[in-house]
Amino acid sequence: MREVFCILDRRKLRTSKRPLYDDYDDYDVYIQIGEGNDLEIFKAHSDVLRGRSAYFDTALSPNWAKKEGNVFIFKKPNIRPDVFRIILLFIYNTIIDLDENAKDICELLIAADEINLNELIEYIHENITDLSYKNMISFFNALNNFTMYHQEIENIKEYVKKYIIKNAFRIFNNFDSLHSNYSLFLELENDCLLSLIQNDDFRMDEIEIWNNLIKWAIAKNPTSIIDSSTTILSRIRNERSAIYDSKDDKLGFGRDLRIFNRTCVFTNYERKIITPRTFNVEDYEVFEVERI
């Protein structure tokens, strides 16, 4: 009976745009999802749930299930209603819109693993690359912000990371349709961006990485340079001393800022950087500007 029901569902899905969940009214399971003010009751069919999930097959068996009359009463407080609604639609329809539900994918993976709905986990893995670039970046941010360790989360995080690295040029040059100068990669959070550019497989010219990092930094801190009252522009007196690389002193700027010892002495700048002759380089940012 269960197998026939699933086959009929799949066949009907091809010819009907209406969700199969709404096609029936003879529900015999009431599922209480969430708790407190976030509690919602869902109706379903025991044959469908048990046929699609080993978890429900056990939970709704005579030895485990609680019944009131002819209706099973089942409680699941640790799943949010919004997440379970997607799961229930997948159980009946065998398809969901990942773009529409991108913000819930992490919780979907965990909930699907908990109720042994492996088909949903496989579906997410197989279709995750269908996400729009915008949602892919949002999803990657969500994956990195997810504090609970879960193997499925780690697996798909690595998969998404590889996908973004492989398509880095397209994503970094994919601009918002409403803002032609706003690249979608600017929505990447700090840890996410670092994990990409520090990866050995990340293929992009260094100058492109640098230019994109400048754009990203300005987008994240738009007032940090413009409104700063402590920023000083100072040209190098001797251009040959602007940037040099010494075997003994390592990389330096203006023969003052020496990364080797972190302490700088004012000698080659046309304007004083600070009153004392020495200062700590951690307090300053030095840029090379080329005029084309």
C-alpha atoms as a PDB file:
ATOM      1  CA  MET A   1       0.000   0.000   0.000  1.00  0.00           C
ATOM      2  CA  ARG A   2       2.752   2.477   0.950  1.00  0.00           C
ATOM      3  CA  GLU A   3       4.821   1.811  -2.159  1.00  0.00           C
ATOM      4  CA  VAL A   4       1.810   2.201  -4.448  1.00  0.00           C
ATOM      5  CA  PHE A   5       0.951   5.527  -2.797  1.00  0.00           C
ATOM      6  CA  CYS A   6       4.458   6.871  -3.405  1.00  0.00           C
ATOM      7  CA  ILE A   7       4.415   5.758  -7.051  1.00  0.00           C
ATOM      8  CA  LEU A   8       1.059   7.439  -7.621  1.00  0.00           C
ATOM      9  CA  ASP A   9       2.390  10.636  -6.045  1.00  0.00           C
ATOM     10  CA  ARG A  10       5.363  10.767  -8.378  1.00  0.00           C
ATOM     11  CA  ARG A  11       3.185  10.132 -11.429  1.00  0.00           C
ATOM     12  CA  LYS A  12       0.680  12.808 -10.452  1.00  0.00           C
ATOM     13  CA  LEU A  13       3.459  15.305  -9.782  1.00  0.00           C
ATOM     14  CA  ARG A  14       4.339  15.361 -13.475  1.00  0.00           C
ATOM     15  CA  THR A  15       0.872  16.512 -14.549  1.00  0.00           C
ATOM     16  CA  SER A  16      -0.263  18.697 -11.647  1.00  0.00           C
ATOM     17  CA  LYS A  17       1.158  21.991 -10.421  1.00  0.00           C
ATOM     18  CA  ARG A  18      -0.937  21.803  -7.280  1.00  0.00           C
ATOM     19  CA  PRO A  19       0.918  20.428  -4.213  1.00  0.00           C
ATOM     20  CA  LEU A  20      -0.133  16.850  -3.581  1.00  0.00           C
ATOM     21  CA  TYR A  21      -0.364  17.555   0.133  1.00  0.00           C
ATOM     22  CA  ASP A  22      -3.520  19.586  -0.511  1.00  0.00           C
ATOM     23  CA  ASP A  23      -5.174  16.886  -2.613  1.00  0.00           C
ATOM     24  CA  TYR A  24      -6.459  14.829   0.317  1.00  0.00           C
ATOM     25  CA  ASP A  25      -8.445  15.382   3.491  1.00  0.00           C
ATOM     26  CA  ASP A  26      -8.439  11.970   5.179  1.00  0.00           C
ATOM     27  CA  TYR A  27      -5.526  12.814   7.482  1.00  0.00           C
ATOM     28  CA  ASP A  28      -4.916  10.462  10.398  1.00  0.00           C
ATOM     29  CA  VAL A  29      -1.820  12.088  11.971  1.00  0.00           C
ATOM     30  CA  TYR A  30      -1.644  15.365  13.890  1.00  0.00           C
ATOM     31  CA  ILE A  31       1.951  16.514  14.318  1.00  0.00           C
ATOM     32  CA  GLN A  32       2.728  19.223  16.880  1.00  0.00           C
ATOM     33  CA  ILE A  33       5.808  21.075  15.668  1.00  0.00           C
ATOM     34  CA  GLY A  34       7.744  23.671  17.690  1.00  0.00           C
ATOM     35  CA  GLU A  35       6.800  24.916  21.114  1.00  0.00           C
ATOM     36  CA  GLY A  36       5.406  27.931  22.960  1.00  0.00           C
ATOM     37  CA  ASN A  37       4.387  30.771  20.681  1.00  0.00           C
ATOM     38  CA  ASP A  38       6.043  28.983  17.777  1.00  0.00           C
ATOM     39  CA  LEU A  39       3.818  25.890  17.984  1.00  0.00           C
ATOM     40  CA  GLU A  40       1.961  24.688  14.913  1.00  0.00           C
ATOM     41  CA  ILE A  41      -0.086  21.556  14.216  1.00  0.00           C
ATOM     42  CA  PHE A  42       0.309  19.781  10.872  1.00  0.00           C
ATOM     43  CA  LYS A  43      -1.966  17.103   9.453  1.00  0.00           C
ATOM     44  CA  ALA A  44      -0.631  14.167   7.469  1.00  0.00           C
ATOM     45  CA  HIS A  45      -1.218  10.536   6.502  1.00  0.00           C
ATOM     46  CA  SER A  46       0.496   7.798   8.474  1.00  0.00           C
ATOM     47  CA  ASP A  47       0.938   5.601   5.382  1.00  0.00           C
ATOM     48  CA  VAL A  48       2.769   8.380   3.551  1.00  0.00           C
ATOM     49  CA  LEU A  49       5.020   9.279   6.489  1.00  0.00           C
ATOM     50  CA  ARG A  50       5.895   5.677   7.283  1.00  0.00           C
ATOM     51  CA  GLY A  51       6.498   4.876   3.638  1.00  0.00           C
ATOM     52  CA  ARG A  52       8.946   7.737   3.167  1.00  0.00           C
ATOM     53  CA  SER A  53      10.797   7.756   6.497  1.00  0.00           C
ATOM     54  CA  ALA A  54      12.140   4.941   8.667  1.00  0.00           C
ATOM     55  CA  TYR A  55      11.908   7.352  11.591  1.00  0.00           C
ATOM     56  CA  PHE A  56       8.153   7.795  11.163  1.00  0.00           C
ATOM     57  CA  ASP A  57       7.757   4.095  10.425  1.00  0.00           C
ATOM     58  CA  THR A  58       8.926   3.430  13.988  1.00  0.00           C
ATOM     59  CA  ALA A  59       7.376   6.506  15.619  1.00  0.00           C
ATOM     60  CA  LEU A  60       3.916   5.731  14.221  1.00  0.00           C
ATOM     61  CA  SER A  61       4.027   2.002  14.878  1.00  0.00           C
ATOM     62  CA  PRO A  62       1.514   0.508  17.361  1.00  0.00           C
ATOM     63  CA  ASN A  63       4.247   0.022  19.971  1.00  0.00           C
ATOM     64  CA  TRP A  64       5.283   3.691  20.001  1.00  0.00           C
ATOM     65  CA  ALA A  65       2.518   5.911  18.740  1.00  0.00           C
ATOM     66  CA  LYS A  66      -0.018   7.745  20.860  1.00  0.00           C
ATOM     67  CA  LYS A  67      -3.551   7.763  19.454  1.00  0.00           C
ATOM     68  CA  GLU A  68      -6.698   9.675  20.235  1.00  0.00           C
ATOM     69  CA  GLY A  69      -9.499   7.749  18.577  1.00  0.00           C
ATOM     70  CA  ASN A  70      -8.307   6.998  15.061  1.00  0.00           C
ATOM     71  CA  VAL A  71      -5.786   9.850  14.955  1.00  0.00           C
ATOM     72  CA  PHE A  72      -2.074   9.595  15.773  1.00  0.00           C
ATOM     73  CA  ILE A  73      -0.750  12.415  17.982  1.00  0.00           C
ATOM     74  CA  PHE A  74       2.940  13.127  17.468  1.00  0.00           C
ATOM     75  CA  LYS A  75       5.100  15.901  18.959  1.00  0.00           C
ATOM     76  CA  LYS A  76       8.359  17.273  17.585  1.00  0.00           C
ATOM     77  CA  PRO A  77       9.314  20.438  19.523  1.00  0.00           C
ATOM     78  CA  ASN A  78      12.911  20.745  18.274  1.00  0.00           C
ATOM     79  CA  ILE A  79      12.016  21.546  14.645  1.00  0.00           C
ATOM     80  CA  ARG A  80      10.686  24.940  13.599  1.00  0.00           C
ATOM     81  CA  PRO A  81       7.287  24.973  11.851  1.00  0.00           C
ATOM     82  CA  ASP A  82       8.727  26.753   8.796  1.00  0.00           C
ATOM     83  CA  VAL A  83      11.284  23.983   8.387  1.00  0.00           C
ATOM     84  CA  PHE A  84       8.837  21.125   8.920  1.00  0.00           C
ATOM     85  CA  ARG A  85       6.417  22.659   6.401  1.00  0.00           C
ATOM     86  CA  ILE A  86       9.126  22.314   3.744  1.00  0.00           C
ATOM     87  CA  ILE A  87       9.843  18.746   4.856  1.00  0.00           C
ATOM     88  CA  LEU A  88       6.181  17.791   4.688  1.00  0.00           C
ATOM     89  CA  LEU A  89       5.823  19.234   1.197  1.00  0.00           C
ATOM     90  CA  PHE A  90       8.889  17.264   0.111  1.00  0.00           C
ATOM     91  CA  ILE A  91       7.507  14.065   1.618  1.00  0.00           C
ATOM     92  CA  TYR A  92       4.373  14.430  -0.484  1.00  0.00           C
ATOM     93  CA  ASN A  93       5.747  16.156  -3.598  1.00  0.00           C
ATOM     94  CA  THR A  94       9.362  14.850  -3.732  1.00  0.00           C
ATOM     95  CA  ILE A  95      10.494  18.325  -4.794  1.00  0.00           C
ATOM     96  CA  ILE A  96      11.095  21.729  -3.187  1.00  0.00           C
ATOM     97  CA  ASP A  97      12.332  25.128  -4.348  1.00  0.00           C
ATOM     98  CA  LEU A  98      15.794  25.510  -2.809  1.00  0.00           C
ATOM     99  CA  ASP A  99      16.115  29.135  -3.920  1.00  0.00           C
ATOM    100  CA  GLU A 100      12.884  29.982  -2.148  1.00  0.00           C
ATOM    101  CA  ASN A 101      14.015  28.177   1.005  1.00  0.00           C
ATOM    102  CA  ALA A 102      17.762  28.935   0.949  1.00  0.00           C
ATOM    103  CA  LYS A 103      17.782  30.428   4.462  1.00  0.00           C
ATOM    104  CA  ASP A 104      16.423  27.179   5.931  1.00  0.00           C
ATOM    105  CA  ILE A 105      18.703  24.668   4.187  1.00  0.00           C
ATOM    106  CA  CYS A 106      21.010  24.143   7.186  1.00  0.00           C
ATOM    107  CA  GLU A 107      18.094  23.296   9.457  1.00  0.00           C
ATOM    108  CA  LEU A 108      16.542  21.201   6.688  1.00  0.00           C
ATOM    109  CA  LEU A 109      19.657  19.043   6.474  1.00  0.00           C
ATOM    110  CA  ILE A 110      19.733  18.442  10.229  1.00  0.00           C
ATOM    111  CA  ALA A 111      16.009  17.750  10.480  1.00  0.00           C
ATOM    112  CA  ALA A 112      16.102  15.430   7.456  1.00  0.00           C
ATOM    113  CA  ASP A 113      18.969  13.493   9.003  1.00  0.00           C
ATOM    114  CA  GLU A 114      17.101  13.223  12.312  1.00  0.00           C
ATOM    115  CA  ILE A 115      13.957  11.770  10.745  1.00  0.00           C
ATOM    116  CA  ASN A 116      15.949   9.566   8.351  1.00  0.00           C
ATOM    117  CA  LEU A 117      14.696  11.345   5.264  1.00  0.00           C
ATOM    118  CA  ASN A 118      17.803  10.554   3.249  1.00  0.00           C
ATOM    119  CA  GLU A 119      16.048  11.343  -0.008  1.00  0.00           C
ATOM    120  CA  LEU A 120      15.813  15.021   0.986  1.00  0.00           C
ATOM    121  CA  ILE A 121      19.510  15.118   1.902  1.00  0.00           C
ATOM    122  CA  GLU A 122      20.399  13.637  -1.480  1.00  0.00           C
ATOM    123  CA  TYR A 123      18.040  16.065  -3.198  1.00  0.00           C
ATOM    124  CA  ILE A 124      19.768  19.063  -1.584  1.00  0.00           C
ATOM    125  CA  HIS A 125      23.210  17.753  -2.537  1.00  0.00           C
ATOM    126  CA  GLU A 126      22.153  17.159  -6.126  1.00  0.00           C
ATOM    127  CA  ASN A 127      20.369  20.475  -6.616  1.00  0.00           C
ATOM    128  CA  ILE A 128      22.335  22.924  -4.478  1.00  0.00           C
ATOM    129  CA  THR A 129      24.172  24.291  -7.520  1.00  0.00           C
ATOM    130  CA  ASP A 130      20.824  25.419  -8.942  1.00  0.00           C
ATOM    131  CA  LEU A 131      20.782  28.198  -6.360  1.00  0.00           C
ATOM    132  CA  SER A 132      21.188  31.699  -7.728  1.00  0.00           C
ATOM    133  CA  TYR A 133      24.630  33.191  -7.083  1.00  0.00           C
ATOM    134  CA  LYS A 134      23.048  35.574  -4.572  1.00  0.00           C
ATOM    135  CA  ASN A 135      21.469  32.741  -2.597  1.00  0.00           C
ATOM    136  CA  MET A 136      24.601  30.617  -2.941  1.00  0.00           C
ATOM    137  CA  ILE A 137      26.606  33.330  -1.178  1.00  0.00           C
ATOM    138  CA  SER A 138      23.911  33.775   1.483  1.00  0.00           C
ATOM    139  CA  PHE A 139      23.862  30.020   2.010  1.00  0.00           C
ATOM    140  CA  PHE A 140      27.669  29.879   2.275  1.00  0.00           C
ATOM    141  CA  ASN A 141      27.542  32.611   4.926  1.00  0.00           C
ATOM    142  CA  ALA A 142      24.855  30.662   6.797  1.00  0.00           C
ATOM    143  CA  LEU A 143      26.915  27.468   6.649  1.00  0.00           C
ATOM    144  CA  ASN A 144      29.922  29.215   8.181  1.00  0.00           C
ATOM    145  CA  ASN A 145      27.806  30.842  10.894  1.00  0.00           C
ATOM    146  CA  PHE A 146      26.179  27.568  11.877  1.00  0.00           C
ATOM    147  CA  THR A 147      27.719  26.767  15.259  1.00  0.00           C
ATOM    148  CA  MET A 148      26.360  23.247  15.745  1.00  0.00           C
ATOM    149  CA  TYR A 149      28.679  20.591  14.320  1.00  0.00           C
ATOM    150  CA  HIS A 150      26.888  18.228  12.008  1.00  0.00           C
ATOM    151  CA  GLN A 151      28.479  15.961   9.417  1.00  0.00           C
ATOM    152  CA  GLU A 152      25.920  16.747   6.724  1.00  0.00           C
ATOM    153  CA  ILE A 153      26.523  20.467   7.232  1.00  0.00           C
ATOM    154  CA  GLU A 154      30.285  19.946   6.933  1.00  0.00           C
ATOM    155  CA  ASN A 155      29.879  17.841   3.793  1.00  0.00           C
ATOM    156  CA  ILE A 156      27.722  20.350   1.972  1.00  0.00           C
ATOM    157  CA  LYS A 157      29.835  23.283   3.222  1.00  0.00           C
ATOM    158  CA  GLU A 158      32.878  21.752   1.542  1.00  0.00           C
ATOM    159  CA  TYR A 159      30.839  21.062  -1.587  1.00  0.00           C
ATOM    160  CA  VAL A 160      29.541  24.646  -1.783  1.00  0.00           C
ATOM    161  CA  LYS A 161      33.011  26.047  -1.081  1.00  0.00           C
ATOM    162  CA  LYS A 162      34.496  24.058  -3.974  1.00  0.00           C
ATOM    163  CA  TYR A 163      31.678  25.210  -6.234  1.00  0.00           C
ATOM    164  CA  ILE A 164      32.252  28.887  -5.399  1.00  0.00           C
ATOM    165  CA  ILE A 165      36.019  28.517  -5.886  1.00  0.00           C
ATOM    166  CA  LYS A 166      35.463  26.835  -9.247  1.00  0.00           C
ATOM    167  CA  ASN A 167      33.110  29.633 -10.330  1.00  0.00           C
ATOM    168  CA  ALA A 168      34.962  32.461  -8.575  1.00  0.00           C
ATOM    169  CA  PHE A 169      35.357  34.641 -11.655  1.00  0.00           C
ATOM    170  CA  ARG A 170      31.655  34.473 -12.504  1.00  0.00           C
ATOM    171  CA  ILE A 171      30.551  35.089  -8.935  1.00  0.00           C
ATOM    172  CA  PHE A 172      33.027  37.905  -8.297  1.00  0.00           C
ATOM    173  CA  ASN A 173      31.898  39.591 -11.513  1.00  0.00           C
ATOM    174  CA  ASN A 174      28.188  38.933 -11.139  1.00  0.00           C
ATOM    175  CA  PHE A 175      26.517  42.254 -10.489  1.00  0.00           C
ATOM    176  CA  ASP A 176      23.200  42.984  -8.852  1.00  0.00           C
ATOM    177  CA  SER A 177      20.548  43.742 -11.479  1.00  0.00           C
ATOM    178  CA  LEU A 178      19.449  46.832  -9.530  1.00  0.00           C
ATOM    179  CA  HIS A 179      22.945  48.151  -8.820  1.00  0.00           C
ATOM    180  CA  SER A 180      25.265  47.736 -11.791  1.00  0.00           C
ATOM    181  CA  ASN A 181      28.382  48.504  -9.725  1.00  0.00           C
ATOM    182  CA  TYR A 182      27.518  46.196  -6.819  1.00  0.00           C
ATOM    183  CA  SER A 183      29.094  42.775  -7.204  1.00  0.00           C
ATOM    184  CA  LEU A 184      27.313  40.017  -5.307  1.00  0.00           C
ATOM    185  CA  PHE A 185      30.578  38.774  -3.791  1.00  0.00           C
ATOM    186  CA  LEU A 186      30.527  41.875  -1.576  1.00  0.00           C
ATOM    187  CA  GLU A 187      27.915  40.059   0.514  1.00  0.00           C
ATOM    188  CA  LEU A 188      30.481  37.460   1.578  1.00  0.00           C
ATOM    189  CA  GLU A 189      31.292  37.682   5.257  1.00  0.00           C
ATOM    190  CA  ASN A 190      34.870  38.023   6.480  1.00  0.00           C
ATOM    191  CA  ASP A 191      35.580  34.378   7.370  1.00  0.00           C
ATOM    192  CA  CYS A 192      33.927  33.151   4.178  1.00  0.00           C
ATOM    193  CA  LEU A 193      36.005  35.432   1.964  1.00  0.00           C
ATOM    194  CA  LEU A 194      39.234  34.454   3.706  1.00  0.00           C
ATOM    195  CA  SER A 195      38.462  30.745   3.414  1.00  0.00           C
ATOM    196  CA  LEU A 196      38.088  31.208  -0.348  1.00  0.00           C
ATOM    197  CA  ILE A 197      41.129  33.312  -1.209  1.00  0.00           C
ATOM    198  CA  GLN A 198      43.417  31.305   1.092  1.00  0.00           C
ATOM    199  CA  ASN A 199      42.464  28.060  -0.617  1.00  0.00           C
ATOM    200  CA  ASP A 200      45.170  26.630  -2.886  1.00  0.00           C
ATOM    201  CA  ASP A 201      42.581  25.899  -5.578  1.00  0.00           C
ATOM    202  CA  PHE A 202      41.385  29.507  -5.776  1.00  0.00           C
ATOM    203  CA  ARG A 203      42.298  30.634  -9.288  1.00  0.00           C
ATOM    204  CA  MET A 204      42.355  34.387  -9.782  1.00  0.00           C
ATOM    205  CA  ASP A 205      45.107  36.850 -10.657  1.00  0.00           C
ATOM    206  CA  GLU A 206      46.640  38.465  -7.594  1.00  0.00           C
ATOM    207  CA  ILE A 207      45.826  41.950  -8.855  1.00  0.00           C
ATOM    208  CA  GLU A 208      42.183  40.926  -9.293  1.00  0.00           C
ATOM    209  CA  ILE A 209      42.117  39.529  -5.764  1.00  0.00           C
ATOM    210  CA  TRP A 210      43.640  42.757  -4.456  1.00  0.00           C
ATOM    211  CA  ASN A 211      41.197  44.974  -6.350  1.00  0.00           C
ATOM    212  CA  ASN A 212      38.255  42.904  -5.162  1.00  0.00           C
ATOM    213  CA  LEU A 213      39.495  43.013  -1.576  1.00  0.00           C
ATOM    214  CA  ILE A 214      39.633  46.812  -1.779  1.00  0.00           C
ATOM    215  CA  LYS A 215      36.039  46.898  -3.065  1.00  0.00           C
ATOM    216  CA  TRP A 216      34.954  44.471  -0.354  1.00  0.00           C
ATOM    217  CA  ALA A 217      36.665  46.438   2.442  1.00  0.00           C
ATOM    218  CA  ILE A 218      35.146  49.737   1.310  1.00  0.00           C
ATOM    219  CA  ALA A 219      31.688  48.164   0.973  1.00  0.00           C
ATOM    220  CA  LYS A 220      31.896  46.732   4.490  1.00  0.00           C
ATOM    221  CA  ASN A 221      33.340  49.930   6.005  1.00  0.00           C
ATOM    222  CA  PRO A 222      32.170  52.777   3.742  1.00  0.00           C
ATOM    223  CA  THR A 223      33.039  55.539   6.217  1.00  0.00           C
ATOM    224  CA  SER A 224      36.326  54.175   7.543  1.00  0.00           C
ATOM    225  CA  ILE A 225      38.448  56.174   5.105  1.00  0.00           C
ATOM    226  CA  ILE A 226      36.237  59.088   4.084  1.00  0.00           C
ATOM    227  CA  ASP A 227      35.302  60.176   7.603  1.00  0.00           C
ATOM    228  CA  SER A 228      38.600  59.403   9.286  1.00  0.00           C
ATOM    229  CA  SER A 229      40.122  62.460  10.964  1.00  0.00           C
ATOM    230  CA  THR A 230      43.473  60.746  11.474  1.00  0.00           C
ATOM    231  CA  THR A 231      44.261  59.771   7.877  1.00  0.00           C
ATOM    232  CA  ILE A 232      47.316  61.534   6.421  1.00  0.00           C
ATOM    233  CA  LEU A 233      48.451  61.416   2.802  1.00  0.00           C
ATOM    234  CA  SER A 234      52.219  61.704   2.601  1.00  0.00           C
ATOM    235  CA  ARG A 235      54.283  61.265  -0.560  1.00  0.00           C
ATOM    236  CA  ILE A 236      57.722  59.724  -0.574  1.00  0.00           C
ATOM    237  CA  ARG A 237      60.495  62.269  -1.171  1.00  0.00           C
ATOM    238  CA  ASN A 238      62.698  59.793  -2.959  1.00  0.00           C
ATOM    239  CA  GLU A 239      60.666  57.631  -5.359  1.00  0.00           C
ATOM    240  CA  ARG A 240      63.426  55.021  -5.441  1.00  0.00           C
ATOM    241  CA  SER A 241      62.799  54.520  -1.753  1.00  0.00           C
ATOM    242  CA  ALA A 242      59.046  54.079  -2.127  1.00  0.00           C
ATOM    243  CA  ILE A 243      59.085  50.287  -2.066  1.00  0.00           C
ATOM    244  CA  TYR A 244      62.103  48.097  -1.712  1.00  0.00           C
ATOM    245  CA  ASP A 245      62.911  44.557  -0.750  1.00  0.00           C
ATOM    246  CA  SER A 246      66.076  44.011   1.246  1.00  0.00           C
ATOM    247  CA  LYS A 247      67.512  40.623   2.050  1.00  0.00           C
ATOM    248  CA  ASP A 248      68.321  41.823   5.553  1.00  0.00           C
ATOM    249  CA  ASP A 249      65.390  44.136   6.314  1.00  0.00           C
ATOM    250  CA  LYS A 250      62.701  42.375   4.252  1.00  0.00           C
ATOM    251  CA  LEU A 251      59.965  44.365   2.518  1.00  0.00           C
ATOM    252  CA  GLY A 252      59.917  48.087   3.275  1.00  0.00           C
ATOM    253  CA  PHE A 253      58.137  51.274   2.246  1.00  0.00           C
ATOM    254  CA  GLY A 254      60.020  54.569   2.055  1.00  0.00           C
ATOM    255  CA  ARG A 255      62.900  52.962   3.972  1.00  0.00           C
ATOM    256  CA  ASP A 256      60.910  53.744   7.091  1.00  0.00           C
ATOM    257  CA  LEU A 257      58.226  51.126   7.435  1.00  0.00           C
ATOM    258  CA  ARG A 258      60.213  47.954   7.851  1.00  0.00           C
ATOM    259  CA  ILE A 259      58.133  44.887   8.411  1.00  0.00           C
ATOM    260  CA  PHE A 260      61.217  43.200   9.878  1.00  0.00           C
ATOM    261  CA  ASN A 261      61.298  45.100  13.166  1.00  0.00           C
ATOM    262  CA  ARG A 262      57.829  46.753  13.236  1.00  0.00           C
ATOM    263  CA  THR A 263      59.382  50.069  14.371  1.00  0.00           C
ATOM    264  CA  CYS A 264      59.549  52.968  11.902  1.00  0.00           C
ATOM    265  CA  VAL A 265      61.655  56.121  11.834  1.00  0.00           C
ATOM    266  CA  PHE A 266      60.550  59.310  10.070  1.00  0.00           C
ATOM    267  CA  THR A 267      63.131  60.164   7.372  1.00  0.00           C
ATOM    268  CA  ASN A 268      61.753  59.950   3.852  1.00  0.00           C
ATOM    269  CA  TYR A 269      58.177  61.231   4.100  1.00  0.00           C
ATOM    270  CA  GLU A 270      57.424  64.824   3.045  1.00  0.00           C
ATOM    271  CA  ARG A 271      54.935  65.237   5.886  1.00  0.00           C
ATOM    272  CA  LYS A 272      55.409  64.140   9.436  1.00  0.00           C
ATOM    273  CA  ILE A 273      53.413  61.073  10.277  1.00  0.00           C
ATOM    274  CA  ILE A 274      53.615  61.523  14.014  1.00  0.00           C
ATOM    275  CA  THR A 275      55.518  63.874  16.328  1.00  0.00           C
ATOM    276  CA  PRO A 276      57.920  61.276  17.767  1.00  0.00           C
ATOM    277  CA  ARG A 277      60.577  59.986  15.399  1.00  0.00           C
ATOM    278  CA  THR A 278      59.553  56.402  15.984  1.00  0.00           C
ATOM    279  CA  PHE A 279      56.175  54.750  15.807  1.00  0.00           C
ATOM    280  CA  ASN A 280      54.620  51.296  15.680  1.00  0.00           C
ATOM    281  CA  VAL A 281      53.530  50.101  12.238  1.00  0.00           C
ATOM    282  CA  GLU A 282      50.425  48.437  13.664  1.00  0.00           C
ATOM    283  CA  ASP A 283      48.929  51.923  13.973  1.00  0.00           C
ATOM    284  CA  TYR A 284      49.257  52.738  10.263  1.00  0.00           C
ATOM    285  CA  GLU A 285      48.255  51.564   6.819  1.00  0.00           C
ATOM    286  CA  VAL A 286      50.556  52.250   3.874  1.00  0.00           C
ATOM    287  CA  PHE A 287      49.373  52.067   0.260  1.00  0.00           C
ATOM    288  CA  GLU A 288      51.187  52.276  -3.038  1.00  0.00           C
ATOM    289  CA  VAL A 289      49.202  54.399  -5.511  1.00  0.00           C
ATOM    290  CA  GLU A 290      50.056  54.242  -9.203  1.00  0.00           C
ATOM    291  CA  ARG A 291      49.038  57.037 -11.571  1.00  0.00           C
ATOM    292  CA  ILE A 292      48.053  55.702 -15.013  1.00  0.00           C
END
